[in-house]
C-alpha cells in the first residue's frame, strides 16, 4: 500500500468518529462556533508547542498564500458551515453526507488540479454516490421527511466539503517544503482564534469551566482527533506520487463507521432502511471508482460475444 494512501486511511478512521462527539459536546449548552473555536485553538496551542522553531514566522510569510487559504477557506468558512450543519441534522445523516466528501473532491480535482482527471468509471461512481445522497437526504434519522432546518443543515455540510476540498487541492499543488504538522499548527491556532472570535461576537461568550465531565470528555476526544487526523491528512497530500482524488476516496470509510457510532452513542438515533440503503449505494461507488475498469475488462474476457 502506498504511504500516502495509508496516511489518508488513518486520517479517515479518526474523522469517522467526530460527529457523535460534536453532537455530545453541543448537547451541554455550548454553541457551535464557541465549541469549534475552543477545540481548534487548543489543538493549535498543542501543535505549536511541538513544532515551534526559529524562523517560523518568516516561513509563514513566505508561504502566506497557502497559510491564508488554510486559515480562511479551510478553517473559517469550512468549519463554520460544518459546525452549524452538524447542529441542524442528526449525527447519522451528517456522517453519511460528509461521507460524500471524496466524491465531490474527485470532481473538484478534475476541475482544478493538474494531472487528476475524471474517466468514465469515475463519472459513473459520482452518479451512483449522488443516487445514495438523494436517498439519504429525503428522510430524517427516523425516516420522516426533513424540515427546512434539516435541508439547510445538509446544504451547509455540502458547502463545507467544497471549501475544504479546494484547500486540500491547494496543499497538494503547493510545492513548498512546509512541514505538514506545522501546517496543521498554524491553521488550527489562527483559524481557531478567528472562529472563536466570531462565535463570541455572534453567540456571546460561552463559559467552558465547571461543565460536566462528559463535556470535557467529548472535547478531549475531538482535540486528540484534530491533532493527529489533520497531520496525517497533510502528510498524505504532500506525499510524492499521490493524487488528491485517490486519497480522498479513502474517506468513504467515514459514512459507514460514523453512522454506526452515531446509532450506538446518540439517543434517539437508529438505523432505518433508506439510510442504510443510501450508505450501501455510496460505499458501492467506491468499488466502481477503483475496480470498475478491471471488472468490465474481466466481464468482456468471459463473455467475448456479448
Protein backbone atom coordinates (compact mmCIF):
# COMPACT_ATOMS: atom_id res chain seq x y z
CA UNK A 1 0.00 0.00 0.00
CA UNK A 2 1.29 3.47 -0.88
CA UNK A 3 2.39 5.59 2.07
CA UNK A 4 0.08 8.46 1.07
CA UNK A 5 -2.95 6.14 0.97
CA UNK A 6 -2.04 4.74 4.40
CA UNK A 7 -1.91 8.24 5.90
CA UNK A 8 -5.26 9.05 4.30
CA UNK A 9 -6.86 5.88 5.75
CA UNK A 10 -5.55 6.72 9.25
CA UNK A 11 -6.98 10.24 8.99
CA UNK A 12 -10.30 8.93 7.68
CA UNK A 13 -10.73 6.43 10.50
CA UNK A 14 -10.15 9.19 13.07
CA UNK A 15 -12.54 11.60 11.31
CA UNK A 16 -15.24 8.95 11.19
CA UNK A 17 -15.78 9.27 14.95
CA UNK A 18 -16.05 13.08 15.01
CA UNK A 19 -19.78 13.75 14.54
CA UNK A 20 -21.19 11.88 17.59
CA UNK A 21 -18.74 13.69 19.89
CA UNK A 22 -19.61 17.07 18.37
CA UNK A 23 -23.28 16.34 18.98
CA UNK A 24 -22.49 15.36 22.57
CA UNK A 25 -20.41 18.46 23.20
CA UNK A 26 -23.08 20.78 21.79
CA UNK A 27 -25.63 18.99 23.97
CA UNK A 28 -24.13 20.62 27.09
CA UNK A 29 -25.48 24.05 26.21
CA UNK A 30 -22.49 25.10 24.10
CA UNK A 31 -22.97 26.97 20.81
CA UNK A 32 -21.35 25.70 17.58
CA UNK A 33 -18.84 28.49 16.89
CA UNK A 34 -17.69 28.72 20.52
CA UNK A 35 -17.21 24.97 20.64
CA UNK A 36 -15.31 24.86 17.34
CA UNK A 37 -13.10 27.81 18.29
CA UNK A 38 -12.26 26.31 21.68
CA UNK A 39 -11.44 22.94 20.11
CA UNK A 40 -9.22 24.22 17.30
CA UNK A 41 -7.39 26.87 19.32
CA UNK A 42 -6.50 24.21 21.89
CA UNK A 43 -5.19 21.96 19.12
CA UNK A 44 -3.13 24.84 17.71
CA UNK A 45 -1.51 25.53 21.09
CA UNK A 46 -0.58 21.85 21.50
CA UNK A 47 0.90 21.62 17.99
CA UNK A 48 2.74 24.95 18.28
CA UNK A 49 4.41 23.64 21.43
CA UNK A 50 5.62 20.67 19.37
CA UNK A 51 6.62 22.44 16.13
CA UNK A 52 7.96 25.76 17.48
CA UNK A 53 11.23 26.61 15.69
CA UNK A 54 13.37 29.59 14.80
CA UNK A 55 12.39 31.35 11.61
CA UNK A 56 8.83 30.02 11.65
CA UNK A 57 7.25 33.46 11.29
CA UNK A 58 9.36 34.08 8.17
CA UNK A 59 8.21 30.68 6.90
CA UNK A 60 4.57 31.70 7.40
CA UNK A 61 5.13 34.96 5.50
CA UNK A 62 7.00 33.13 2.70
CA UNK A 63 4.03 30.78 2.22
CA UNK A 64 1.35 33.33 3.11
CA UNK A 65 -0.97 32.34 0.27
CA UNK A 66 -1.03 28.69 1.37
CA UNK A 67 -1.48 29.53 5.05
CA UNK A 68 -4.09 32.19 4.27
CA UNK A 69 -6.07 29.67 2.24
CA UNK A 70 -5.97 27.12 5.05
CA UNK A 71 -6.94 29.63 7.76
CA UNK A 72 -9.72 31.48 5.91
CA UNK A 73 -11.17 28.94 3.47
CA UNK A 74 -10.50 25.58 5.11
CA UNK A 75 -10.86 26.53 8.76
CA UNK A 76 -13.14 29.56 8.94
CA UNK A 77 -15.54 29.02 6.04
CA UNK A 78 -15.30 25.23 6.02
CA UNK A 79 -15.79 24.65 9.72
CA UNK A 80 -18.32 27.41 10.25
CA UNK A 81 -20.53 25.68 7.69
CA UNK A 82 -19.68 22.25 9.12
CA UNK A 83 -20.49 23.00 12.77
CA UNK A 84 -23.81 24.67 12.02
CA UNK A 85 -24.66 21.88 9.58
CA UNK A 86 -23.94 19.16 12.15
CA UNK A 87 -26.10 21.01 14.67
CA UNK A 88 -29.07 21.11 12.24
CA UNK A 89 -29.23 17.40 11.32
CA UNK A 90 -28.89 14.03 13.03
CA UNK A 91 -25.45 12.60 13.72
CA UNK A 92 -26.01 9.63 11.38
CA UNK A 93 -27.11 11.78 8.44
CA UNK A 94 -24.28 14.28 8.97
CA UNK A 95 -21.79 11.39 8.96
CA UNK A 96 -23.19 10.00 5.73
CA UNK A 97 -23.43 13.35 3.92
CA UNK A 98 -19.83 14.11 4.92
CA UNK A 99 -19.00 10.67 3.53
CA UNK A 100 -19.63 12.19 0.10
CA UNK A 101 -16.50 14.32 0.60
CA UNK A 102 -14.31 12.13 -1.63
CA UNK A 103 -16.82 12.06 -4.49
CA UNK A 104 -17.23 15.82 -4.52
CA UNK A 105 -13.49 16.31 -4.22
CA UNK A 106 -12.85 13.99 -7.15
CA UNK A 107 -14.92 16.38 -9.25
CA UNK A 108 -13.08 19.40 -7.80
CA UNK A 109 -9.73 17.77 -8.56
CA UNK A 110 -10.82 17.23 -12.16
CA UNK A 111 -11.74 20.89 -12.50
CA UNK A 112 -8.83 22.43 -10.58
CA UNK A 113 -5.89 20.07 -10.02
CA UNK A 114 -3.24 19.29 -12.60
CA UNK A 115 -2.94 15.69 -13.85
CA UNK A 116 -6.01 14.47 -11.96
CA UNK A 117 -8.77 13.93 -14.49
CA UNK A 118 -12.06 12.08 -14.50
CA UNK A 119 -12.64 8.99 -16.61
CA UNK A 120 -15.95 7.31 -17.38
CA UNK A 121 -15.70 5.00 -14.36
CA UNK A 122 -15.17 7.93 -12.02
CA UNK A 123 -18.16 9.67 -13.60
CA UNK A 124 -20.34 6.61 -13.01
CA UNK A 125 -19.06 6.47 -9.42
CA UNK A 126 -20.10 10.10 -8.88
CA UNK A 127 -23.58 9.43 -10.28
CA UNK A 128 -24.01 6.36 -8.07
CA UNK A 129 -22.97 8.33 -4.98
CA UNK A 130 -25.44 11.07 -5.93
CA UNK A 131 -28.22 8.46 -6.00
CA UNK A 132 -27.21 7.42 -2.48
CA UNK A 133 -27.29 11.04 -1.32
CA UNK A 134 -30.76 11.62 -2.77
CA UNK A 135 -31.99 8.50 -0.96
CA UNK A 136 -30.48 9.65 2.33
CA UNK A 137 -31.49 13.32 2.32
CA UNK A 138 -35.13 12.55 1.74
CA UNK A 139 -35.51 11.37 5.34
CA UNK A 140 -34.52 12.32 8.84
CA UNK A 141 -32.93 9.98 11.36
CA UNK A 142 -36.30 8.30 11.96
CA UNK A 143 -37.37 8.09 8.33
CA UNK A 144 -39.63 11.17 8.49
CA UNK A 145 -39.33 13.97 5.89
CA UNK A 146 -36.73 16.63 6.64
CA UNK A 147 -37.88 20.14 7.50
CA UNK A 148 -36.26 23.39 6.39
CA UNK A 149 -33.71 23.25 9.20
CA UNK A 150 -32.61 19.77 8.19
CA UNK A 151 -32.31 20.68 4.50
CA UNK A 152 -30.35 23.80 5.43
CA UNK A 153 -28.01 21.66 7.51
CA UNK A 154 -27.31 19.40 4.54
CA UNK A 155 -26.61 22.43 2.31
CA UNK A 156 -24.12 23.76 4.89
CA UNK A 157 -22.39 20.38 5.11
CA UNK A 158 -22.05 20.24 1.33
CA UNK A 159 -20.64 23.79 1.30
CA UNK A 160 -18.06 22.79 3.91
CA UNK A 161 -16.96 19.90 1.65
CA UNK A 162 -16.36 22.29 -1.26
CA UNK A 163 -14.40 24.78 0.87
CA UNK A 164 -12.18 22.10 2.38
CA UNK A 165 -11.77 20.25 -0.91
CA UNK A 166 -10.42 23.38 -2.55
CA UNK A 167 -7.94 23.81 0.31
CA UNK A 168 -6.81 20.19 0.07
CA UNK A 169 -6.03 20.65 -3.61
CA UNK A 170 -4.04 23.81 -2.88
CA UNK A 171 -1.95 21.93 -0.28
CA UNK A 172 -1.29 19.12 -2.76
CA UNK A 173 -0.41 21.51 -5.58
CA UNK A 174 1.89 23.69 -3.48
CA UNK A 175 5.50 22.58 -3.86
CA UNK A 176 6.88 24.48 -0.85
CA UNK A 177 8.72 22.45 1.77
CA UNK A 178 6.43 23.12 4.72
CA UNK A 179 6.25 20.51 7.47
CA UNK A 180 2.72 19.01 7.47
CA UNK A 181 2.42 19.15 11.26
CA UNK A 182 3.48 22.82 11.25
CA UNK A 183 0.85 23.46 8.57
CA UNK A 184 -1.72 21.95 10.91
CA UNK A 185 -0.48 24.01 13.88
CA UNK A 186 -0.80 27.32 12.03
CA UNK A 187 -4.23 26.64 10.53
CA UNK A 188 -5.61 25.32 13.82
CA UNK A 189 -4.35 28.15 16.03
CA UNK A 190 -5.16 31.14 13.84
CA UNK A 191 -8.25 29.57 12.27
CA UNK A 192 -9.47 28.54 15.72
CA UNK A 193 -8.98 32.06 17.11
CA UNK A 194 -10.91 33.52 14.16
CA UNK A 195 -13.79 31.09 14.63
CA UNK A 196 -13.77 31.71 18.39
CA UNK A 197 -13.82 35.49 17.93
CA UNK A 198 -16.77 35.33 15.53
CA UNK A 199 -18.51 32.92 17.90
CA UNK A 200 -18.18 35.33 20.80
CA UNK A 201 -19.45 38.20 18.63
CA UNK A 202 -22.47 36.33 17.26
CA UNK A 203 -23.33 33.84 20.01
CA UNK A 204 -21.94 35.60 23.13
CA UNK A 205 -19.15 34.13 25.22
CA UNK A 206 -19.88 30.61 26.49
CA UNK A 207 -18.05 29.72 29.75
CA UNK A 208 -16.17 26.45 29.35
CA UNK A 209 -15.40 25.86 33.02
CA UNK A 210 -17.50 23.98 35.59
CA UNK A 211 -19.03 21.78 32.88
CA UNK A 212 -20.00 18.12 33.36
CA UNK A 213 -17.28 15.52 32.81
CA UNK A 214 -18.97 14.43 29.57
CA UNK A 215 -18.31 17.83 28.01
CA UNK A 216 -14.58 17.64 28.69
CA UNK A 217 -14.54 14.03 27.55
CA UNK A 218 -16.07 14.98 24.18
CA UNK A 219 -13.76 17.99 23.82
CA UNK A 220 -10.72 15.89 24.69
CA UNK A 221 -11.54 13.25 22.07
CA UNK A 222 -12.08 15.94 19.42
CA UNK A 223 -8.78 17.64 20.29
CA UNK A 224 -6.97 14.30 20.02
CA UNK A 225 -8.57 13.60 16.64
CA UNK A 226 -7.67 17.05 15.26
CA UNK A 227 -4.05 16.79 16.42
CA UNK A 228 -3.48 13.54 14.57
CA UNK A 229 -6.07 13.36 11.77
CA UNK A 230 -5.20 16.67 10.13
CA UNK A 231 -1.47 15.97 10.43
CA UNK A 232 -1.93 12.57 8.77
CA UNK A 233 -4.06 14.21 6.07
CA UNK A 234 -1.46 16.84 5.21
CA UNK A 235 1.22 14.15 5.16
CA UNK A 236 -0.91 12.22 2.65
CA UNK A 237 -1.49 15.28 0.46
CA UNK A 238 2.22 16.09 0.36
CA UNK A 239 3.44 12.53 -0.31
CA UNK A 240 5.05 12.28 -3.72
CA UNK A 241 3.07 10.41 -6.37
CA UNK A 242 -0.32 10.63 -4.67
CA UNK A 243 -3.39 12.17 -6.30
CA UNK A 244 -5.97 14.22 -4.45
CA UNK A 245 -8.77 12.14 -5.94
CA UNK A 246 -7.28 8.80 -4.84
CA UNK A 247 -6.57 9.74 -1.23
CA UNK A 248 -10.00 11.39 -0.94
CA UNK A 249 -11.69 8.12 -1.82
CA UNK A 250 -10.35 6.73 1.48
CA UNK A 251 -12.85 8.98 3.25
CA UNK A 252 -15.67 6.66 2.24
CA UNK A 253 -14.74 4.92 5.48
CA UNK A 254 -16.49 7.83 7.23
CA UNK A 255 -20.14 7.13 6.36
CA UNK A 256 -20.01 3.51 7.49
CA UNK A 257 -18.12 3.89 10.76
CA UNK A 258 -19.52 7.36 11.57
CA UNK A 259 -23.16 6.35 11.13
CA UNK A 260 -22.73 3.18 13.17
CA UNK A 261 -21.15 5.17 16.01
CA UNK A 262 -23.97 7.72 15.90
CA UNK A 263 -26.59 4.99 16.16
CA UNK A 264 -24.67 3.40 19.04
CA UNK A 265 -23.85 6.58 21.00
CA UNK A 266 -26.63 9.12 20.46
CA UNK A 267 -30.10 8.63 21.98
CA UNK A 268 -33.00 8.66 19.53
CA UNK A 269 -30.82 7.81 16.51
CA UNK A 270 -31.19 4.39 14.95
CA UNK A 271 -30.85 2.82 11.50
CA UNK A 272 -33.72 2.85 9.03
CA UNK A 273 -34.00 1.22 5.63
CA UNK A 274 -33.43 4.29 3.46
CA UNK A 275 -30.37 5.48 5.41
CA UNK A 276 -28.75 2.04 5.31
CA UNK A 277 -29.60 1.64 1.61
CA UNK A 278 -28.11 5.06 0.83
CA UNK A 279 -24.97 4.16 2.75
CA UNK A 280 -24.65 0.90 0.81
CA UNK A 281 -25.00 2.75 -2.51
CA UNK A 282 -22.33 5.28 -1.54
CA UNK A 283 -19.92 2.52 -0.49
CA UNK A 284 -20.70 0.73 -3.77
CA UNK A 285 -19.47 3.80 -5.63
CA UNK A 286 -16.02 3.11 -4.16
CA UNK A 287 -15.96 -0.27 -5.88
CA UNK A 288 -16.82 1.38 -9.20
CA UNK A 289 -14.11 4.02 -8.70
CA UNK A 290 -11.23 1.65 -8.03
CA UNK A 291 -12.38 -1.59 -9.67
CA UNK A 292 -14.85 -0.55 -12.38
CA UNK A 293 -12.43 -0.78 -15.28
CA UNK A 294 -10.96 -4.13 -14.20
CA UNK A 295 -14.42 -5.59 -13.57
CA UNK A 296 -15.63 -4.55 -17.04
CA UNK A 297 -12.47 -5.94 -18.61
CA UNK A 298 -12.94 -9.26 -16.79
CA UNK A 299 -16.57 -9.44 -17.90
CA UNK A 300 -15.59 -8.90 -21.54
CA UNK A 301 -12.99 -11.67 -21.35
CA UNK A 302 -15.57 -14.10 -20.02
CA UNK A 303 -18.33 -13.00 -22.43
CA UNK A 304 -16.48 -12.03 -25.63
CA UNK A 305 -19.58 -12.27 -27.87
CA UNK A 306 -21.98 -10.25 -25.73
